[in-house]
Amino acid sequence: MSKNLIAVYPGTFDPITLGHEDIVHRAANLFDEVIVAVAGSTNKRTLFSLEERVSLAQRVFKDADNVKVVGFSGLLMKFVSEQGAQIVIRGLRAASDFEYEFQLAGMNRKIYPKLETLFLTPAEQYMFVSSTLVREVAMLDGDVTQFVSPIVKAAILNKLDKD
């Protein structure tokens, strides 16, 4: 008998990048359902509101049958439990990400012992891409075409009033 394996991929996704998309598509090939969990309660100052980030992600993944996008706030482990998920997906771009992510995975397992954290790396062309760098490039009038989908690029340009 097969389990219905549900994975949650949490993040701020401000904006969602091609690296994020790559991780989601990789996870979607491994699990029955992938929930892209867009964090609302964050200490980060975001370019896009929670509603805008959820909408962008929904548009990006509209053709992915086993991917759903949900906004959430509060403790990630509570959200994961409410979704009936068993796995949290975390993306690793570089060795510098590992120490923080390893610590976070340990804390999450302590809070929710049934949880497993799975680390995925994006394709090598996205290893250096981060939402922070994409925002910075866009704010400085750089071209973000190779880092985000056309939907996201248009939203960034609109938000920064750089049509």
Foldseek 3Di string as FASTA:
>chain_A
DDDQAEEEEEDQPLPPKVQNVQQVVVVLVVGQAYEDEHEQDDPDDGLDHQVVRQVLVCVVCVPRPRYHYDYDYDDPLVVCVVVVHAEYEDEALDPVVPVVVVVVQVVSCVVPVSHDYDYDYGPNVCSPDDSVVLLVCVLVVHDCPVIHPPSVSVVSCVSSVND
